[in-house]
Amino acid sequence: MGINRGPWNALVDDDGSNLVGSVWNKAAIQTVLLDPIDAALGTWVNVPFNIGNFANQPGITGAQILANSYTVIGKTLIWMMQQQGAPGSGTSQLILIPPVLPIGNVVSPLASASDGGAYTPGFVGFSSSTAIYIQKSTAANWTGPVYAYFTAIIQLP
């Protein structure tokens, strides 16, 4: 995704007389260059806590979500989640993907999870186009508080 060159192309060069041409000040630099560059490089967005984003985790609170943020760079969504001490039940903990765009292919999910404070190798995979699940590699039920940390890199269509 390129930067819109329309505002840049609208600038007029001075002929050397310092009497013609576009005024190039801080406001113009911000509008024409800095804002589009910031947008192209991605800005981290914090996802506000919503209990509806966490299935199989009754009683989870915003205090147990240490981080839930994402950035979009071109057609790549990078999503980082840190969940600490959330109640666990069943075999999977579902977490809804931030509602940015429909997802494409997962490039590189990375995860660490623990059950009741004891490290448990976790598995992260997509259960649908809108949620991921964190499941023990043994497929056993979660018995204690769930601690889960992951970064997912997702290709957007």
Protein backbone atom coordinates (compact mmCIF):
# COMPACT_ATOMS: atom_id res chain seq x y z
CA MET A 1 0.00 0.00 0.00
CA GLY A 2 1.65 3.19 -1.17
CA ILE A 3 1.38 6.66 0.27
CA ASN A 4 -1.09 8.96 -1.50
CA ARG A 5 1.11 11.23 -3.62
CA GLY A 6 -1.73 13.65 -4.48
CA PRO A 7 -0.82 16.25 -1.81
CA TRP A 8 2.88 15.95 -2.70
CA ASN A 9 2.20 16.36 -6.41
CA ALA A 10 0.10 19.47 -5.67
CA LEU A 11 3.16 21.25 -4.25
CA VAL A 12 4.69 23.88 -6.53
CA ASP A 13 8.46 24.37 -6.72
CA ASP A 14 9.90 27.84 -6.27
CA ASP A 15 11.66 29.26 -9.33
CA GLY A 16 14.54 30.58 -7.21
CA SER A 17 12.99 33.98 -6.63
CA ASN A 18 11.46 33.02 -3.28
CA LEU A 19 8.26 34.60 -4.57
CA VAL A 20 6.38 31.58 -5.94
CA GLY A 21 5.89 28.02 -4.89
CA SER A 22 4.20 26.19 -2.06
CA VAL A 23 4.79 27.29 1.53
CA TRP A 24 6.59 24.43 3.24
CA ASN A 25 6.05 24.65 6.96
CA LYS A 26 5.60 22.21 9.84
CA ALA A 27 1.86 21.85 9.19
CA ALA A 28 2.49 20.97 5.54
CA ILE A 29 5.24 18.51 6.43
CA GLN A 30 2.92 16.80 8.94
CA THR A 31 -0.01 16.60 6.52
CA VAL A 32 1.90 15.68 3.37
CA LEU A 33 4.61 13.43 4.80
CA LEU A 34 4.48 12.48 8.47
CA ASP A 35 0.82 11.44 8.83
CA PRO A 36 0.84 9.20 5.72
CA ILE A 37 4.15 7.63 6.75
CA ASP A 38 2.82 6.91 10.25
CA ALA A 39 -0.27 5.29 8.75
CA ALA A 40 1.84 3.18 6.38
CA LEU A 41 4.11 1.97 9.17
CA GLY A 42 1.26 0.96 11.44
CA THR A 43 0.00 2.33 14.72
CA TRP A 44 -0.67 0.07 17.70
CA VAL A 45 -4.33 0.01 18.70
CA ASN A 46 -5.40 -1.17 22.16
CA VAL A 47 -8.49 -3.39 22.15
CA PRO A 48 -10.82 -2.38 25.01
CA PHE A 49 -11.78 -5.25 27.31
CA ASN A 50 -15.08 -6.91 26.39
CA ILE A 51 -16.11 -10.14 28.12
CA GLY A 52 -17.77 -11.23 24.87
CA ASN A 53 -14.30 -11.56 23.32
CA PHE A 54 -13.40 -14.45 25.64
CA ALA A 55 -15.32 -17.73 25.33
CA ASN A 56 -14.92 -20.57 27.87
CA GLN A 57 -13.54 -18.07 30.35
CA PRO A 58 -16.39 -17.18 32.70
CA GLY A 59 -15.43 -14.59 35.27
CA ILE A 60 -12.51 -13.13 33.29
CA THR A 61 -11.91 -9.46 34.05
CA GLY A 62 -10.08 -6.64 32.32
CA ALA A 63 -7.43 -6.76 35.06
CA GLN A 64 -6.40 -10.23 33.79
CA ILE A 65 -5.70 -8.93 30.29
CA LEU A 66 -2.28 -7.33 30.50
CA ALA A 67 -2.14 -6.52 26.79
CA ASN A 68 -4.46 -6.86 23.82
CA SER A 69 -3.33 -4.73 20.92
CA TYR A 70 -2.74 -4.91 17.19
CA THR A 71 -1.26 -3.02 14.30
CA VAL A 72 -1.86 -3.30 10.57
CA ILE A 73 1.04 -2.79 8.19
CA GLY A 74 -0.03 -3.10 4.59
CA LYS A 75 -1.88 -6.42 4.47
CA THR A 76 -0.35 -7.83 7.64
CA LEU A 77 -2.10 -7.83 11.03
CA ILE A 78 0.20 -8.25 14.02
CA TRP A 79 -1.76 -9.03 17.18
CA MET A 80 -0.29 -9.32 20.67
CA MET A 81 -2.19 -10.75 23.65
CA GLN A 82 -1.14 -11.29 27.27
CA GLN A 83 -3.67 -12.95 29.55
CA GLN A 84 -2.75 -13.64 33.16
CA GLY A 85 -4.70 -15.65 35.73
CA ALA A 86 -7.96 -15.86 33.80
CA PRO A 87 -10.40 -18.62 34.83
CA GLY A 88 -10.19 -21.68 32.62
CA SER A 89 -12.59 -24.46 31.77
CA GLY A 90 -12.99 -26.99 28.98
CA THR A 91 -10.24 -27.89 26.56
CA SER A 92 -10.03 -24.59 24.65
CA GLN A 93 -9.86 -20.94 25.56
CA LEU A 94 -11.32 -18.93 22.69
CA ILE A 95 -10.22 -15.36 22.10
CA LEU A 96 -11.85 -13.29 19.38
CA ILE A 97 -9.57 -11.67 16.82
CA PRO A 98 -9.75 -7.85 16.84
CA PRO A 99 -12.47 -6.82 14.38
CA VAL A 100 -10.17 -5.17 11.86
CA LEU A 101 -10.66 -7.09 8.62
CA PRO A 102 -11.51 -10.66 7.67
CA ILE A 103 -8.37 -12.71 8.20
CA GLY A 104 -6.40 -14.58 5.62
CA ASN A 105 -3.65 -17.06 6.43
CA VAL A 106 -1.74 -17.29 9.69
CA VAL A 107 1.92 -16.68 9.11
CA SER A 108 3.42 -17.26 12.54
CA PRO A 109 1.48 -17.80 15.76
CA LEU A 110 3.71 -17.96 18.83
CA ALA A 111 2.35 -19.02 22.20
CA SER A 112 3.18 -19.78 25.76
CA ALA A 113 0.54 -20.96 28.20
CA SER A 114 0.33 -22.21 31.76
CA ASP A 115 -2.41 -23.86 33.80
CA GLY A 116 -2.61 -22.73 37.41
CA GLY A 117 0.88 -21.26 37.24
CA ALA A 118 2.57 -24.47 36.00
CA TYR A 119 3.97 -24.14 32.49
CA THR A 120 2.00 -26.14 29.95
CA PRO A 121 3.00 -26.22 26.30
CA GLY A 122 0.10 -24.52 24.56
CA PHE A 123 -1.20 -24.80 21.04
CA VAL A 124 -2.61 -21.87 19.15
CA GLY A 125 -4.73 -22.38 16.07
CA PHE A 126 -7.67 -20.85 14.30
CA SER A 127 -11.06 -22.27 15.11
CA SER A 128 -12.82 -19.93 12.69
CA SER A 129 -12.12 -16.78 10.76
CA THR A 130 -12.90 -14.69 13.84
CA ALA A 131 -11.28 -16.46 16.81
CA ILE A 132 -8.23 -18.39 17.90
CA TYR A 133 -8.09 -21.03 20.54
CA ILE A 134 -5.46 -21.87 23.10
CA GLN A 135 -5.47 -25.57 23.86
CA LYS A 136 -3.12 -27.77 25.84
CA SER A 137 -0.97 -29.98 23.68
CA THR A 138 -2.44 -32.93 25.62
CA ALA A 139 -6.01 -31.77 24.80
CA ALA A 140 -6.80 -32.04 28.54
CA ASN A 141 -9.14 -29.60 30.27
CA TRP A 142 -7.78 -26.45 31.82
CA THR A 143 -7.99 -26.83 35.59
CA GLY A 144 -6.49 -23.64 37.00
CA PRO A 145 -6.12 -20.04 36.03
CA VAL A 146 -4.92 -19.63 32.45
CA TYR A 147 -1.81 -17.64 31.66
CA ALA A 148 -1.41 -17.17 27.91
CA TYR A 149 0.95 -15.02 25.89
CA PHE A 150 1.07 -14.92 22.11
CA THR A 151 1.80 -12.86 19.07
CA ALA A 152 0.01 -13.75 15.86
CA ILE A 153 1.02 -12.51 12.43
CA ILE A 154 -1.96 -12.76 10.12
CA GLN A 155 -2.16 -12.15 6.40
CA LEU A 156 -5.12 -9.99 5.48
CA PRO A 157 -6.90 -10.47 2.16
